[in-house]
Amino acid sequence: MKIITISGNKPHELQIRNENDPRIPYVKLALKQRLIALLEEGLEWVIMTGQMGVELWAAEVILDLKQMYPIKLGIFPPFLEYESRWPDIYQEKYLKITEKADHFQPLYNETYQAAYQLINKDRWLIDKTEGALLLVDEEHPGSVHFLLDKIKVAVDQRQYLLMYITPEDLEEVVREQQDFF
């Protein structure tokens, strides 16, 4: 697999209220571990929208990994000013990520018009990738369920790989870190 997308929950869906939450480093570590395994199997590109939460944290991890691995990051928001309604801290992170990404291009060269932009964004990400890594609790998927539902169809219709980071995986990362120290 050479190209994947990454997505998952938004901060509020994970009960994360600010960027100083002590759980975020564990989320990033879980993403890093999974990405390193994929890189060692030939992963070259990760493309995503850069949505706040899991996607922004994953983008930060990817930018760190670029120092040691030949990984590329593409940010493809569904429309212009995608981040305009987010809290300032996430807007700032998003702008920094888009500046450092290997490729940045909104899918629609206009601001938000209607839900079709978000629906088509999901389809576009699936069409351009060979698999997806989702950090999500399937029992309570939050807004990522829209993408997840489309990915499940792609899994059934073609050789599309769906990989998860589950709440149990995150608990394991926490246990490993606590055992380490």
C-alpha atoms as a PDB file:
ATOM      1  CA  MET A   1       0.000   0.000   0.000  1.00  0.00           C
ATOM      2  CA  LYS A   2       1.510   3.269  -1.124  1.00  0.00           C
ATOM      3  CA  ILE A   3      -1.270   5.811  -0.432  1.00  0.00           C
ATOM      4  CA  ILE A   4      -3.689   5.957   2.500  1.00  0.00           C
ATOM      5  CA  THR A   5      -5.958   8.434   4.155  1.00  0.00           C
ATOM      6  CA  ILE A   6      -6.215   8.971   7.891  1.00  0.00           C
ATOM      7  CA  SER A   7      -9.214  10.234   9.783  1.00  0.00           C
ATOM      8  CA  GLY A   8     -10.996   9.912  13.070  1.00  0.00           C
ATOM      9  CA  ASN A   9     -12.830  11.776  15.725  1.00  0.00           C
ATOM     10  CA  LYS A  10     -12.852  15.495  16.343  1.00  0.00           C
ATOM     11  CA  PRO A  11     -11.559  16.644  19.746  1.00  0.00           C
ATOM     12  CA  HIS A  12     -14.990  17.168  21.319  1.00  0.00           C
ATOM     13  CA  GLU A  13     -16.054  13.679  20.202  1.00  0.00           C
ATOM     14  CA  LEU A  14     -13.125  12.331  22.236  1.00  0.00           C
ATOM     15  CA  GLN A  15     -14.037  14.570  25.193  1.00  0.00           C
ATOM     16  CA  ILE A  16     -10.819  16.534  24.576  1.00  0.00           C
ATOM     17  CA  ARG A  17     -11.406  20.176  25.459  1.00  0.00           C
ATOM     18  CA  ASN A  18      -7.992  21.696  24.723  1.00  0.00           C
ATOM     19  CA  GLU A  19      -4.634  20.937  23.160  1.00  0.00           C
ATOM     20  CA  ASN A  20      -3.017  20.439  26.573  1.00  0.00           C
ATOM     21  CA  ASP A  21      -5.093  17.330  27.246  1.00  0.00           C
ATOM     22  CA  PRO A  22      -2.755  14.581  28.519  1.00  0.00           C
ATOM     23  CA  ARG A  23      -4.395  12.009  26.216  1.00  0.00           C
ATOM     24  CA  ILE A  24      -3.242  13.667  22.990  1.00  0.00           C
ATOM     25  CA  PRO A  25       0.371  12.390  23.234  1.00  0.00           C
ATOM     26  CA  TYR A  26      -1.001   8.834  23.504  1.00  0.00           C
ATOM     27  CA  VAL A  27      -3.172   9.370  20.421  1.00  0.00           C
ATOM     28  CA  LYS A  28      -0.129  10.662  18.555  1.00  0.00           C
ATOM     29  CA  LEU A  29       1.997   7.739  19.722  1.00  0.00           C
ATOM     30  CA  ALA A  30      -0.608   5.230  18.523  1.00  0.00           C
ATOM     31  CA  LEU A  31      -0.699   6.987  15.140  1.00  0.00           C
ATOM     32  CA  LYS A  32       3.102   7.061  14.973  1.00  0.00           C
ATOM     33  CA  GLN A  33       3.433   3.348  15.743  1.00  0.00           C
ATOM     34  CA  ARG A  34       0.919   2.408  13.072  1.00  0.00           C
ATOM     35  CA  LEU A  35       2.453   4.781  10.513  1.00  0.00           C
ATOM     36  CA  ILE A  36       5.964   3.425  11.088  1.00  0.00           C
ATOM     37  CA  ALA A  37       4.710  -0.114  10.478  1.00  0.00           C
ATOM     38  CA  LEU A  38       3.033   1.041   7.244  1.00  0.00           C
ATOM     39  CA  LEU A  39       6.143   2.968   6.169  1.00  0.00           C
ATOM     40  CA  GLU A  40       8.237  -0.149   6.628  1.00  0.00           C
ATOM     41  CA  GLU A  41       5.784  -1.930   4.301  1.00  0.00           C
ATOM     42  CA  GLY A  42       6.129   0.734   1.573  1.00  0.00           C
ATOM     43  CA  LEU A  43       3.751   3.565   2.466  1.00  0.00           C
ATOM     44  CA  GLU A  44       4.658   6.734   0.532  1.00  0.00           C
ATOM     45  CA  TRP A  45       1.760   9.189   0.841  1.00  0.00           C
ATOM     46  CA  VAL A  46      -0.911  10.099   3.365  1.00  0.00           C
ATOM     47  CA  ILE A  47      -3.690  12.338   2.104  1.00  0.00           C
ATOM     48  CA  MET A  48      -6.394  13.907   4.246  1.00  0.00           C
ATOM     49  CA  THR A  49      -8.500  17.020   4.721  1.00  0.00           C
ATOM     50  CA  GLY A  50      -6.611  18.247   7.786  1.00  0.00           C
ATOM     51  CA  GLN A  51      -9.761  18.276   9.916  1.00  0.00           C
ATOM     52  CA  MET A  52      -9.244  19.230  13.550  1.00  0.00           C
ATOM     53  CA  GLY A  53      -8.639  16.370  15.912  1.00  0.00           C
ATOM     54  CA  VAL A  54      -7.204  13.065  14.724  1.00  0.00           C
ATOM     55  CA  GLU A  55      -6.319  14.361  11.259  1.00  0.00           C
ATOM     56  CA  LEU A  56      -4.376  17.378  12.538  1.00  0.00           C
ATOM     57  CA  TRP A  57      -2.588  15.251  15.129  1.00  0.00           C
ATOM     58  CA  ALA A  58      -1.754  12.666  12.455  1.00  0.00           C
ATOM     59  CA  ALA A  59      -0.423  15.423  10.183  1.00  0.00           C
ATOM     60  CA  GLU A  60       1.854  16.617  12.992  1.00  0.00           C
ATOM     61  CA  VAL A  61       3.118  13.048  13.462  1.00  0.00           C
ATOM     62  CA  ILE A  62       3.733  12.699   9.712  1.00  0.00           C
ATOM     63  CA  LEU A  63       5.714  15.939   9.617  1.00  0.00           C
ATOM     64  CA  ASP A  64       7.875  14.603  12.460  1.00  0.00           C
ATOM     65  CA  LEU A  65       8.333  11.267  10.682  1.00  0.00           C
ATOM     66  CA  LYS A  66       9.534  13.061   7.534  1.00  0.00           C
ATOM     67  CA  GLN A  67      12.851  13.566   9.329  1.00  0.00           C
ATOM     68  CA  MET A  68      13.461   9.796   9.263  1.00  0.00           C
ATOM     69  CA  TYR A  69      11.219   8.407   6.520  1.00  0.00           C
ATOM     70  CA  PRO A  70      10.417   9.377   2.916  1.00  0.00           C
ATOM     71  CA  ILE A  71       6.729  10.024   3.630  1.00  0.00           C
ATOM     72  CA  LYS A  72       4.692  12.700   1.904  1.00  0.00           C
ATOM     73  CA  LEU A  73       1.639  14.544   3.207  1.00  0.00           C
ATOM     74  CA  GLY A  74      -1.186  15.875   1.065  1.00  0.00           C
ATOM     75  CA  ILE A  75      -3.878  18.128   2.526  1.00  0.00           C
ATOM     76  CA  PHE A  76      -7.071  18.349   0.472  1.00  0.00           C
ATOM     77  CA  PRO A  77      -9.796  20.273   2.310  1.00  0.00           C
ATOM     78  CA  PRO A  78     -13.254  20.010   0.773  1.00  0.00           C
ATOM     79  CA  PHE A  79     -13.524  23.779   0.199  1.00  0.00           C
ATOM     80  CA  LEU A  80     -11.791  27.121   0.748  1.00  0.00           C
ATOM     81  CA  GLU A  81     -11.619  28.463   4.315  1.00  0.00           C
ATOM     82  CA  TYR A  82     -12.369  24.971   5.646  1.00  0.00           C
ATOM     83  CA  GLU A  83     -10.959  25.929   9.035  1.00  0.00           C
ATOM     84  CA  SER A  84     -12.669  29.313   9.344  1.00  0.00           C
ATOM     85  CA  ARG A  85     -15.156  28.270  12.048  1.00  0.00           C
ATOM     86  CA  TRP A  86     -12.741  26.289  14.177  1.00  0.00           C
ATOM     87  CA  PRO A  87     -11.273  27.538  17.472  1.00  0.00           C
ATOM     88  CA  ASP A  88      -8.169  29.701  16.961  1.00  0.00           C
ATOM     89  CA  ILE A  89      -5.719  27.065  18.216  1.00  0.00           C
ATOM     90  CA  TYR A  90      -6.869  24.598  15.550  1.00  0.00           C
ATOM     91  CA  GLN A  91      -6.904  27.247  12.831  1.00  0.00           C
ATOM     92  CA  GLU A  92      -3.277  28.050  13.641  1.00  0.00           C
ATOM     93  CA  LYS A  93      -2.269  24.368  13.617  1.00  0.00           C
ATOM     94  CA  TYR A  94      -4.086  23.835  10.330  1.00  0.00           C
ATOM     95  CA  LEU A  95      -2.344  26.766   8.646  1.00  0.00           C
ATOM     96  CA  LYS A  96       1.072  25.538   9.838  1.00  0.00           C
ATOM     97  CA  ILE A  97       0.324  22.038   8.571  1.00  0.00           C
ATOM     98  CA  THR A  98      -0.841  23.276   5.161  1.00  0.00           C
ATOM     99  CA  GLU A  99       2.359  25.319   4.797  1.00  0.00           C
ATOM    100  CA  LYS A 100       4.544  22.266   5.519  1.00  0.00           C
ATOM    101  CA  ALA A 101       2.523  19.703   3.548  1.00  0.00           C
ATOM    102  CA  ASP A 102       4.000  18.326   0.341  1.00  0.00           C
ATOM    103  CA  HIS A 103       0.772  19.184  -1.440  1.00  0.00           C
ATOM    104  CA  PHE A 104      -2.171  21.386  -0.535  1.00  0.00           C
ATOM    105  CA  GLN A 105      -5.231  21.939  -2.671  1.00  0.00           C
ATOM    106  CA  PRO A 106      -8.896  22.479  -1.793  1.00  0.00           C
ATOM    107  CA  LEU A 107     -11.158  20.111  -3.728  1.00  0.00           C
ATOM    108  CA  TYR A 108     -13.609  22.926  -4.456  1.00  0.00           C
ATOM    109  CA  ASN A 109     -12.188  26.343  -5.226  1.00  0.00           C
ATOM    110  CA  GLU A 110     -14.992  28.075  -3.322  1.00  0.00           C
ATOM    111  CA  THR A 111     -16.139  28.423   0.268  1.00  0.00           C
ATOM    112  CA  TYR A 112     -18.752  26.100   1.764  1.00  0.00           C
ATOM    113  CA  GLN A 113     -21.800  25.847  -0.476  1.00  0.00           C
ATOM    114  CA  ALA A 114     -23.601  22.655   0.533  1.00  0.00           C
ATOM    115  CA  ALA A 115     -23.196  19.154   1.944  1.00  0.00           C
ATOM    116  CA  TYR A 116     -22.270  17.766  -1.491  1.00  0.00           C
ATOM    117  CA  GLN A 117     -18.757  19.135  -0.931  1.00  0.00           C
ATOM    118  CA  LEU A 118     -18.309  16.974   2.163  1.00  0.00           C
ATOM    119  CA  ILE A 119     -19.926  13.925   0.564  1.00  0.00           C
ATOM    120  CA  ASN A 120     -17.729  14.225  -2.521  1.00  0.00           C
ATOM    121  CA  LYS A 121     -14.643  14.756  -0.343  1.00  0.00           C
ATOM    122  CA  ASP A 122     -15.159  11.332   1.228  1.00  0.00           C
ATOM    123  CA  ARG A 123     -15.582   9.671  -2.158  1.00  0.00           C
ATOM    124  CA  TRP A 124     -12.525  11.480  -3.538  1.00  0.00           C
ATOM    125  CA  LEU A 125     -10.322  10.358  -0.617  1.00  0.00           C
ATOM    126  CA  ILE A 126     -11.416   6.752  -1.078  1.00  0.00           C
ATOM    127  CA  ASP A 127     -10.906   6.873  -4.861  1.00  0.00           C
ATOM    128  CA  LYS A 128      -7.366   8.256  -4.483  1.00  0.00           C
ATOM    129  CA  THR A 129      -6.177   5.831  -1.788  1.00  0.00           C
ATOM    130  CA  GLU A 130      -5.639   2.130  -1.277  1.00  0.00           C
ATOM    131  CA  GLY A 131      -6.682   2.112   2.350  1.00  0.00           C
ATOM    132  CA  ALA A 132      -7.689   4.121   5.384  1.00  0.00           C
ATOM    133  CA  LEU A 133      -6.490   4.296   8.961  1.00  0.00           C
ATOM    134  CA  LEU A 134      -9.284   5.442  11.257  1.00  0.00           C
ATOM    135  CA  LEU A 135      -9.011   6.236  14.944  1.00  0.00           C
ATOM    136  CA  VAL A 136     -12.586   5.631  15.989  1.00  0.00           C
ATOM    137  CA  ASP A 137     -14.823   3.725  18.361  1.00  0.00           C
ATOM    138  CA  GLU A 138     -17.193   1.894  16.015  1.00  0.00           C
ATOM    139  CA  GLU A 139     -19.911   1.869  18.671  1.00  0.00           C
ATOM    140  CA  HIS A 140     -19.758   5.683  18.933  1.00  0.00           C
ATOM    141  CA  PRO A 141     -18.141   6.855  15.707  1.00  0.00           C
ATOM    142  CA  GLY A 142     -19.214  10.506  15.800  1.00  0.00           C
ATOM    143  CA  SER A 143     -18.980  12.493  12.583  1.00  0.00           C
ATOM    144  CA  VAL A 144     -16.403  10.137  11.044  1.00  0.00           C
ATOM    145  CA  HIS A 145     -19.253   7.651  10.484  1.00  0.00           C
ATOM    146  CA  PHE A 146     -20.024   9.361   7.156  1.00  0.00           C
ATOM    147  CA  LEU A 147     -16.556   8.447   5.848  1.00  0.00           C
ATOM    148  CA  LEU A 148     -16.561   5.060   7.600  1.00  0.00           C
ATOM    149  CA  ASP A 149     -19.826   4.027   5.912  1.00  0.00           C
ATOM    150  CA  LYS A 150     -18.394   4.835   2.465  1.00  0.00           C
ATOM    151  CA  ILE A 151     -15.133   3.033   3.267  1.00  0.00           C
ATOM    152  CA  LYS A 152     -17.033  -0.115   4.259  1.00  0.00           C
ATOM    153  CA  VAL A 153     -18.687  -0.089   0.825  1.00  0.00           C
ATOM    154  CA  ALA A 154     -15.247   0.259  -0.820  1.00  0.00           C
ATOM    155  CA  VAL A 155     -13.967  -2.667   1.263  1.00  0.00           C
ATOM    156  CA  ASP A 156     -16.841  -4.809  -0.008  1.00  0.00           C
ATOM    157  CA  GLN A 157     -16.562  -3.662  -3.643  1.00  0.00           C
ATOM    158  CA  ARG A 158     -12.801  -3.660  -4.214  1.00  0.00           C
ATOM    159  CA  GLN A 159      -9.503  -4.391  -2.521  1.00  0.00           C
ATOM    160  CA  TYR A 160      -9.652  -1.447  -0.127  1.00  0.00           C
ATOM    161  CA  LEU A 161      -8.047  -1.876   3.283  1.00  0.00           C
ATOM    162  CA  LEU A 162      -9.665  -0.472   6.420  1.00  0.00           C
ATOM    163  CA  MET A 163      -7.421  -0.286   9.470  1.00  0.00           C
ATOM    164  CA  TYR A 164      -8.496   0.849  12.910  1.00  0.00           C
ATOM    165  CA  ILE A 165      -6.981   2.351  15.991  1.00  0.00           C
ATOM    166  CA  THR A 166      -9.578   1.471  18.615  1.00  0.00           C
ATOM    167  CA  PRO A 167     -10.098   2.669  22.189  1.00  0.00           C
ATOM    168  CA  GLU A 168      -8.546  -0.649  23.245  1.00  0.00           C
ATOM    169  CA  ASP A 169      -5.463   0.108  21.129  1.00  0.00           C
ATOM    170  CA  LEU A 170      -5.140   3.476  22.864  1.00  0.00           C
ATOM    171  CA  GLU A 171      -5.453   1.821  26.274  1.00  0.00           C
ATOM    172  CA  GLU A 172      -2.657  -0.568  25.271  1.00  0.00           C
ATOM    173  CA  VAL A 173      -0.411   2.365  24.283  1.00  0.00           C
ATOM    174  CA  VAL A 174      -1.069   3.967  27.676  1.00  0.00           C
ATOM    175  CA  ARG A 175      -0.267   0.699  29.504  1.00  0.00           C
ATOM    176  CA  GLU A 176       2.948   0.236  27.512  1.00  0.00           C
ATOM    177  CA  GLN A 177       4.071   3.756  28.328  1.00  0.00           C
ATOM    178  CA  GLN A 178       3.256   3.387  32.012  1.00  0.00           C
ATOM    179  CA  ASP A 179       5.155   0.079  32.128  1.00  0.00           C
ATOM    180  CA  PHE A 180       8.095   1.745  30.387  1.00  0.00           C
ATOM    181  CA  PHE A 181       8.399   4.401  33.070  1.00  0.00           C
END
